[in-house]
Amino acid sequence: MVSGPSGVGKSTALAELAKQPGVQVVISFTTRARRDNETEDVDYHFVDEREFTDMVRRQEFLEWVEYDGHFYGTPHRAVDEILERGGVAVLEIEREGAMAVKERFTHAVLVLLKPPFPGELERRLRSRGASSEFLSRRLALAERDAPLMDDLYDEFVTSTRTNETVRELRRIIQSRYSPR
């Protein structure tokens, strides 16, 4: 499982990591609106709140959380299918979701991506054209979560260049798992 604040480079690094044989990134469901640069069924499965609530009721999620006013959930079936094939299921997940999954899968490895220096998250979010309101919310969430992270995560990766981040994630997978 890979977590980190908005703007740290999770999605970019995981898209590259998924090219490794035996590794698959699980696509989460969300109720938030699709951004211009996102693709349905690639970045997320975008659903409305009613459909998400129905999925919760049917217990289709391994975990689900509300984050920044939207719901996010990891589908059971996708994770199960990857594990049944002997692969490594990688989840892009927030702190609360990571804690819930760790309770069920104690062998899961939690990786936290961190920015290389203070102010880098803000720079990256601004470069994406983030609104002042979005920027303020996401930086406040990152600041709120930061003190809680060190005790929860098993591995820490400083997200500098994508290729270096992916190399480190591959090293973690190879040292902790043996994908076929």
Protein backbone atom coordinates (compact mmCIF):
# COMPACT_ATOMS: atom_id res chain seq x y z
CA MET A 1 0.00 0.00 0.00
CA VAL A 2 1.30 3.41 -0.93
CA SER A 3 0.18 6.60 0.77
CA GLY A 4 1.30 10.17 0.72
CA PRO A 5 -0.07 13.68 0.54
CA SER A 6 -1.61 15.13 -2.62
CA GLY A 7 1.09 16.23 -5.02
CA VAL A 8 3.79 13.86 -3.79
CA GLY A 9 3.73 11.80 -7.00
CA LYS A 10 1.84 8.64 -6.03
CA SER A 11 -0.17 8.23 -9.22
CA THR A 12 2.77 8.91 -11.52
CA ALA A 13 5.08 6.51 -9.70
CA LEU A 14 2.45 3.77 -9.46
CA ALA A 15 1.64 3.99 -13.17
CA GLU A 16 5.30 3.20 -13.87
CA LEU A 17 5.49 0.56 -11.14
CA ALA A 18 2.52 -1.28 -12.67
CA LYS A 19 4.65 -2.03 -15.74
CA GLN A 20 6.64 -4.52 -13.63
CA PRO A 21 5.53 -8.14 -14.17
CA GLY A 22 3.42 -9.50 -11.33
CA VAL A 23 2.58 -6.06 -9.95
CA GLN A 24 -0.84 -4.52 -10.41
CA VAL A 25 -2.21 -1.27 -9.03
CA VAL A 26 -5.78 -1.65 -7.80
CA ILE A 27 -8.11 1.00 -9.19
CA SER A 28 -10.18 2.58 -6.42
CA PHE A 29 -13.73 3.88 -6.59
CA THR A 30 -14.45 7.52 -5.78
CA THR A 31 -17.37 9.92 -5.65
CA ARG A 32 -15.31 12.96 -6.55
CA ALA A 33 -15.54 14.49 -10.01
CA ARG A 34 -13.12 13.32 -12.67
CA ARG A 35 -10.34 15.83 -13.36
CA ASP A 36 -9.49 16.81 -16.92
CA ASN A 37 -6.32 14.70 -16.96
CA GLU A 38 -7.98 11.56 -15.56
CA THR A 39 -9.43 8.57 -17.36
CA GLU A 40 -12.34 6.41 -16.16
CA ASP A 41 -11.24 2.88 -15.16
CA VAL A 42 -7.58 3.91 -15.36
CA ASP A 43 -7.20 6.51 -12.62
CA TYR A 44 -10.41 5.73 -10.71
CA HIS A 45 -13.82 4.21 -11.12
CA PHE A 46 -15.95 7.35 -10.82
CA VAL A 47 -19.39 6.74 -9.28
CA ASP A 48 -22.06 8.87 -7.68
CA GLU A 49 -22.71 8.85 -3.95
CA ARG A 50 -25.78 6.62 -4.25
CA GLU A 51 -23.89 3.93 -6.14
CA PHE A 52 -21.00 4.14 -3.68
CA THR A 53 -23.40 3.78 -0.73
CA ASP A 54 -24.98 0.73 -2.38
CA MET A 55 -21.51 -0.81 -2.78
CA VAL A 56 -20.78 -0.19 0.91
CA ARG A 57 -24.08 -1.84 1.83
CA ARG A 58 -23.20 -4.87 -0.34
CA GLN A 59 -19.78 -4.99 1.39
CA GLU A 60 -17.87 -4.71 -1.90
CA PHE A 61 -15.01 -2.72 -0.40
CA LEU A 62 -11.95 -3.96 1.41
CA GLU A 63 -11.92 -0.51 2.96
CA TRP A 64 -13.56 2.83 2.33
CA VAL A 65 -13.13 6.32 3.73
CA GLU A 66 -14.41 9.83 3.38
CA TYR A 67 -11.54 12.15 2.53
CA ASP A 68 -11.83 15.86 1.79
CA GLY A 69 -15.60 15.59 1.31
CA HIS A 70 -15.54 12.62 -1.08
CA PHE A 71 -15.70 8.85 -0.67
CA TYR A 72 -12.92 6.48 -1.76
CA GLY A 73 -12.97 2.69 -1.62
CA THR A 74 -10.81 -0.29 -2.54
CA PRO A 75 -12.75 -3.10 -4.22
CA HIS A 76 -12.40 -6.55 -2.57
CA ARG A 77 -12.74 -8.43 -5.83
CA ALA A 78 -9.84 -6.69 -7.61
CA VAL A 79 -7.45 -7.36 -4.72
CA ASP A 80 -8.57 -10.99 -4.41
CA GLU A 81 -8.10 -11.63 -8.14
CA ILE A 82 -4.54 -10.28 -8.12
CA LEU A 83 -3.58 -12.29 -5.04
CA GLU A 84 -5.18 -15.48 -6.45
CA ARG A 85 -2.92 -15.12 -9.51
CA GLY A 86 0.10 -14.83 -7.20
CA GLY A 87 0.66 -11.17 -7.99
CA VAL A 88 1.36 -8.18 -5.81
CA ALA A 89 -1.64 -5.88 -5.33
CA VAL A 90 -0.58 -2.27 -4.83
CA LEU A 91 -3.10 0.11 -3.31
CA GLU A 92 -2.92 3.89 -3.55
CA ILE A 93 -4.57 4.66 -0.25
CA GLU A 94 -5.04 7.29 2.41
CA ARG A 95 -3.88 6.81 6.00
CA GLU A 96 -7.27 5.72 7.39
CA GLY A 97 -7.77 3.19 4.63
CA ALA A 98 -4.24 1.87 5.10
CA MET A 99 -4.94 1.25 8.79
CA ALA A 100 -8.12 -0.67 7.94
CA VAL A 101 -6.37 -2.87 5.38
CA LYS A 102 -3.42 -3.51 7.72
CA GLU A 103 -5.86 -4.85 10.33
CA ARG A 104 -7.12 -7.44 7.82
CA PHE A 105 -3.81 -8.19 6.07
CA THR A 106 -1.14 -7.99 8.74
CA HIS A 107 1.53 -8.98 6.19
CA ALA A 108 0.73 -5.95 4.01
CA VAL A 109 3.59 -3.47 3.66
CA LEU A 110 2.69 0.19 4.07
CA VAL A 111 4.88 2.65 2.17
CA LEU A 112 4.75 6.40 2.72
CA LEU A 113 5.91 8.71 -0.07
CA LYS A 114 7.32 11.94 1.31
CA PRO A 115 8.23 15.16 -0.48
CA PRO A 116 11.98 15.87 -0.75
CA PHE A 117 11.79 19.19 1.12
CA PRO A 118 9.30 21.53 2.79
CA GLY A 119 7.32 23.54 0.28
CA GLU A 120 7.60 20.97 -2.52
CA LEU A 121 4.00 19.77 -2.15
CA GLU A 122 2.75 23.32 -2.53
CA ARG A 123 4.97 23.86 -5.59
CA ARG A 124 3.71 20.65 -7.23
CA LEU A 125 0.05 21.40 -6.50
CA ARG A 126 0.42 24.95 -7.83
CA SER A 127 2.05 23.60 -11.00
CA ARG A 128 -1.11 21.52 -11.55
CA GLY A 129 -3.20 24.67 -11.42
CA ALA A 130 -4.76 23.90 -8.03
CA SER A 131 -7.20 26.51 -6.79
CA SER A 132 -6.35 28.39 -3.60
CA GLU A 133 -9.18 26.60 -1.78
CA PHE A 134 -8.04 23.12 -2.95
CA LEU A 135 -4.41 23.97 -2.15
CA SER A 136 -5.28 25.15 1.36
CA ARG A 137 -7.39 22.05 2.11
CA ARG A 138 -4.82 19.58 0.82
CA LEU A 139 -1.88 21.24 2.57
CA ALA A 140 -3.89 21.32 5.83
CA LEU A 141 -4.70 17.60 5.46
CA ALA A 142 -1.03 16.81 4.81
CA GLU A 143 0.00 18.80 7.87
CA ARG A 144 -2.69 17.11 10.00
CA ASP A 145 -1.65 13.61 8.94
CA ALA A 146 2.14 14.06 9.06
CA PRO A 147 2.62 13.39 12.82
CA LEU A 148 0.53 10.21 12.59
CA MET A 149 2.48 8.64 9.74
CA ASP A 150 5.78 7.53 11.23
CA ASP A 151 4.31 4.90 13.55
CA LEU A 152 1.98 3.44 10.93
CA TYR A 153 4.23 2.93 7.91
CA ASP A 154 6.80 0.18 7.36
CA GLU A 155 8.83 1.92 4.65
CA PHE A 156 9.47 5.54 3.70
CA VAL A 157 10.42 6.77 0.24
CA THR A 158 11.41 10.33 -0.57
CA SER A 159 9.67 11.18 -3.83
CA THR A 160 12.20 13.07 -5.92
CA ARG A 161 12.36 11.92 -9.53
CA THR A 162 9.82 9.38 -10.75
CA ASN A 163 12.44 6.84 -11.87
CA GLU A 164 14.16 6.96 -8.47
CA THR A 165 10.86 6.60 -6.62
CA VAL A 166 9.86 3.63 -8.79
CA ARG A 167 13.28 2.00 -8.31
CA GLU A 168 12.86 2.25 -4.55
CA LEU A 169 9.30 0.86 -4.68
CA ARG A 170 10.56 -2.07 -6.79
CA ARG A 171 13.28 -2.72 -4.24
CA ILE A 172 10.69 -2.82 -1.45
CA ILE A 173 8.49 -5.24 -3.38
CA GLN A 174 11.40 -7.53 -4.21
CA SER A 175 12.65 -7.54 -0.64
CA ARG A 176 9.19 -8.16 0.87
CA TYR A 177 7.40 -10.24 -1.80
CA SER A 178 8.24 -12.58 -4.63
CA PRO A 179 5.88 -11.76 -7.51
CA ARG A 180 5.61 -14.41 -10.22
